[in-house]
Amino acid sequence: QVQLVESGGGLVQAGGSLRLSCAASGRTFRSYAMGWFRQAPGKEREFVAGISGSGDNTLYADSAKGRFTISRDNAKNTVYLQMNSLKPEDTAVYYCAAKRTPLTKVPGTSVDEYPYWGQGTQVTVSS
């Protein structure tokens, strides 16, 4: 089992940047593919980006491509989401999630695939 704690959210102006972090407990972090999801008020939780346990493979939602970068440091049990060129429509609670997978497997995009979740961190982008 893995426990996840997000940090790094906040208030930023449109066009600005934020880096979210998600720290995981446990000694087998690289056995878990990681995903970032977000949920805006009144909307369903949606996939943003994912990364394999090895870090070699990534996947992005169309809304994140070219602006967001997911990465991980397995020595620090941490996954990151670098968000650039932020837009007001990026405002949401951002969650990290984990699923145990083969090391190089590209993570899935469905909320239902991930059994472990953090508590979320608020990102607010002002216009």
Foldseek 3Di string as FASTA:
>chain_A
DKAKAKDWADEEAAQAKIKMKIAIDDDPLLQKKKFKWWDDPPGDIWTAKIAFSQRPDMDGDPVQPPFWDWGDDSVRRMIMIIGGRDDQVVWTWMKMFIDGDPRHDYDDTDPVRTPYIYPTDTHGYHD
